[in-house]
Amino acid sequence: MDEKRGHSIALVNRQSLSLEGVQHVDNFDDDTIVLSTTMGTLTVRGHNLRIQTLDLDQGHFVAVGEFDALQYGKKRQRNQAGNTWNKIWR
């Protein structure tokens, strides 16, 4: 997926979540979904979470359930290993 694509979130009545800009699903179960997006890692927490739609070619994702929290982690850099080595050798 192209990182230049936009990222958006629509949460309706805390029961339906639609996302654009999803790159892949890292992990999921009934209470937590962890996604990689163009804006960083997004952790979704709730109950009875179910993925309805996942189109990685378009970056589109839809889930339903009882949503309690959406939390972003740091945005991944393109070359994390290279950056780590650069910090060590400086």
C-alpha atoms as a PDB file:
ATOM      1  CA  MET A   1       0.000   0.000   0.000  1.00  0.00           C
ATOM      2  CA  ASP A   2       1.212   3.474  -0.836  1.00  0.00           C
ATOM      3  CA  GLU A   3       2.036   5.497   2.312  1.00  0.00           C
ATOM      4  CA  LYS A   4       0.860   8.667   0.566  1.00  0.00           C
ATOM      5  CA  ARG A   5      -2.742   7.510   0.808  1.00  0.00           C
ATOM      6  CA  GLY A   6      -4.877   9.200   3.407  1.00  0.00           C
ATOM      7  CA  HIS A   7      -5.843   7.812   6.758  1.00  0.00           C
ATOM      8  CA  SER A   8      -9.312   8.247   8.196  1.00  0.00           C
ATOM      9  CA  ILE A   9     -11.476   6.798  10.936  1.00  0.00           C
ATOM     10  CA  ALA A  10     -15.252   6.655  11.242  1.00  0.00           C
ATOM     11  CA  LEU A  11     -16.760   5.251  14.432  1.00  0.00           C
ATOM     12  CA  VAL A  12     -20.553   5.041  14.489  1.00  0.00           C
ATOM     13  CA  ASN A  13     -22.356   4.596  17.826  1.00  0.00           C
ATOM     14  CA  ARG A  14     -19.252   2.829  19.186  1.00  0.00           C
ATOM     15  CA  GLN A  15     -20.461  -0.237  17.251  1.00  0.00           C
ATOM     16  CA  SER A  16     -19.076   0.094  13.719  1.00  0.00           C
ATOM     17  CA  LEU A  17     -15.513   1.160  12.874  1.00  0.00           C
ATOM     18  CA  SER A  18     -14.366   2.031   9.335  1.00  0.00           C
ATOM     19  CA  LEU A  19     -10.736   2.835   8.549  1.00  0.00           C
ATOM     20  CA  GLU A  20      -8.835   3.930   5.462  1.00  0.00           C
ATOM     21  CA  GLY A  21      -5.057   3.726   5.219  1.00  0.00           C
ATOM     22  CA  VAL A  22      -4.685   0.239   6.739  1.00  0.00           C
ATOM     23  CA  GLN A  23      -1.528  -1.598   5.668  1.00  0.00           C
ATOM     24  CA  HIS A  24      -2.043  -4.883   7.524  1.00  0.00           C
ATOM     25  CA  VAL A  25      -3.569  -6.497  10.598  1.00  0.00           C
ATOM     26  CA  ASP A  26      -0.861  -7.415  13.108  1.00  0.00           C
ATOM     27  CA  ASN A  27      -3.069  -9.240  15.611  1.00  0.00           C
ATOM     28  CA  PHE A  28      -6.724  -9.671  16.525  1.00  0.00           C
ATOM     29  CA  ASP A  29      -9.036 -11.433  18.944  1.00  0.00           C
ATOM     30  CA  ASP A  30     -12.454 -10.735  20.492  1.00  0.00           C
ATOM     31  CA  ASP A  31     -11.122  -7.863  22.639  1.00  0.00           C
ATOM     32  CA  THR A  32      -8.208  -6.322  20.703  1.00  0.00           C
ATOM     33  CA  ILE A  33      -7.283  -5.561  17.096  1.00  0.00           C
ATOM     34  CA  VAL A  34      -3.793  -4.251  16.279  1.00  0.00           C
ATOM     35  CA  LEU A  35      -3.405  -2.638  12.848  1.00  0.00           C
ATOM     36  CA  SER A  36      -0.535  -1.062  10.952  1.00  0.00           C
ATOM     37  CA  THR A  37      -1.742   2.118   9.248  1.00  0.00           C
ATOM     38  CA  THR A  38      -0.115   4.879   7.252  1.00  0.00           C
ATOM     39  CA  MET A  39      -0.129   6.922  10.482  1.00  0.00           C
ATOM     40  CA  GLY A  40       1.411   4.247  12.728  1.00  0.00           C
ATOM     41  CA  THR A  41       0.216   1.320  14.785  1.00  0.00           C
ATOM     42  CA  LEU A  42      -3.413   1.526  15.883  1.00  0.00           C
ATOM     43  CA  THR A  43      -4.689  -0.608  18.769  1.00  0.00           C
ATOM     44  CA  VAL A  44      -8.459  -1.014  18.973  1.00  0.00           C
ATOM     45  CA  ARG A  45      -9.950  -2.345  22.218  1.00  0.00           C
ATOM     46  CA  GLY A  46     -13.473  -3.452  23.010  1.00  0.00           C
ATOM     47  CA  HIS A  47     -15.671  -6.547  23.285  1.00  0.00           C
ATOM     48  CA  ASN A  48     -16.997  -9.028  20.726  1.00  0.00           C
ATOM     49  CA  LEU A  49     -14.886  -7.413  17.990  1.00  0.00           C
ATOM     50  CA  ARG A  50     -15.299  -8.881  14.518  1.00  0.00           C
ATOM     51  CA  ILE A  51     -13.592  -7.910  11.274  1.00  0.00           C
ATOM     52  CA  GLN A  52     -16.215  -7.512   8.540  1.00  0.00           C
ATOM     53  CA  THR A  53     -14.114  -6.147   5.678  1.00  0.00           C
ATOM     54  CA  LEU A  54     -10.380  -6.154   5.017  1.00  0.00           C
ATOM     55  CA  ASP A  55      -9.105  -4.903   1.654  1.00  0.00           C
ATOM     56  CA  LEU A  56      -5.368  -4.318   1.922  1.00  0.00           C
ATOM     57  CA  ASP A  57      -5.068  -3.330  -1.748  1.00  0.00           C
ATOM     58  CA  GLN A  58      -7.316  -0.342  -1.064  1.00  0.00           C
ATOM     59  CA  GLY A  59      -6.388   0.034   2.623  1.00  0.00           C
ATOM     60  CA  HIS A  60     -10.035  -0.358   3.689  1.00  0.00           C
ATOM     61  CA  PHE A  61     -11.046  -2.008   6.974  1.00  0.00           C
ATOM     62  CA  VAL A  62     -14.406  -2.414   8.746  1.00  0.00           C
ATOM     63  CA  ALA A  63     -15.027  -3.993  12.150  1.00  0.00           C
ATOM     64  CA  VAL A  64     -18.071  -4.283  14.390  1.00  0.00           C
ATOM     65  CA  GLY A  65     -18.491  -4.859  18.113  1.00  0.00           C
ATOM     66  CA  GLU A  66     -18.464  -2.779  21.294  1.00  0.00           C
ATOM     67  CA  PHE A  67     -15.552  -0.326  20.972  1.00  0.00           C
ATOM     68  CA  ASP A  68     -13.924   1.069  24.113  1.00  0.00           C
ATOM     69  CA  ALA A  69     -10.635   2.621  22.961  1.00  0.00           C
ATOM     70  CA  LEU A  70      -8.524   3.549  19.936  1.00  0.00           C
ATOM     71  CA  GLN A  71      -4.843   4.173  20.652  1.00  0.00           C
ATOM     72  CA  TYR A  72      -1.997   5.078  18.302  1.00  0.00           C
ATOM     73  CA  GLY A  73       1.580   3.971  18.759  1.00  0.00           C
ATOM     74  CA  LYS A  74       4.573   5.565  17.142  1.00  0.00           C
ATOM     75  CA  LYS A  75       4.695   5.749  13.386  1.00  0.00           C
ATOM     76  CA  ARG A  76       7.097   3.203  11.950  1.00  0.00           C
ATOM     77  CA  GLN A  77      10.070   4.530  10.089  1.00  0.00           C
ATOM     78  CA  ARG A  78      10.886   3.002   6.730  1.00  0.00           C
ATOM     79  CA  ASN A  79      14.284   1.638   7.700  1.00  0.00           C
ATOM     80  CA  GLN A  80      14.182   0.905  11.403  1.00  0.00           C
ATOM     81  CA  ALA A  81      17.213  -1.417  11.357  1.00  0.00           C
ATOM     82  CA  GLY A  82      19.307   1.163   9.533  1.00  0.00           C
ATOM     83  CA  ASN A  83      18.279   3.866  11.975  1.00  0.00           C
ATOM     84  CA  THR A  84      19.191   1.660  14.938  1.00  0.00           C
ATOM     85  CA  TRP A  85      22.641   0.993  13.526  1.00  0.00           C
ATOM     86  CA  ASN A  86      23.107   4.691  12.755  1.00  0.00           C
ATOM     87  CA  LYS A  87      22.376   5.547  16.397  1.00  0.00           C
ATOM     88  CA  ILE A  88      24.834   2.929  17.658  1.00  0.00           C
ATOM     89  CA  TRP A  89      27.691   4.034  15.417  1.00  0.00           C
ATOM     90  CA  ARG A  90      27.320   7.781  16.037  1.00  0.00           C
END
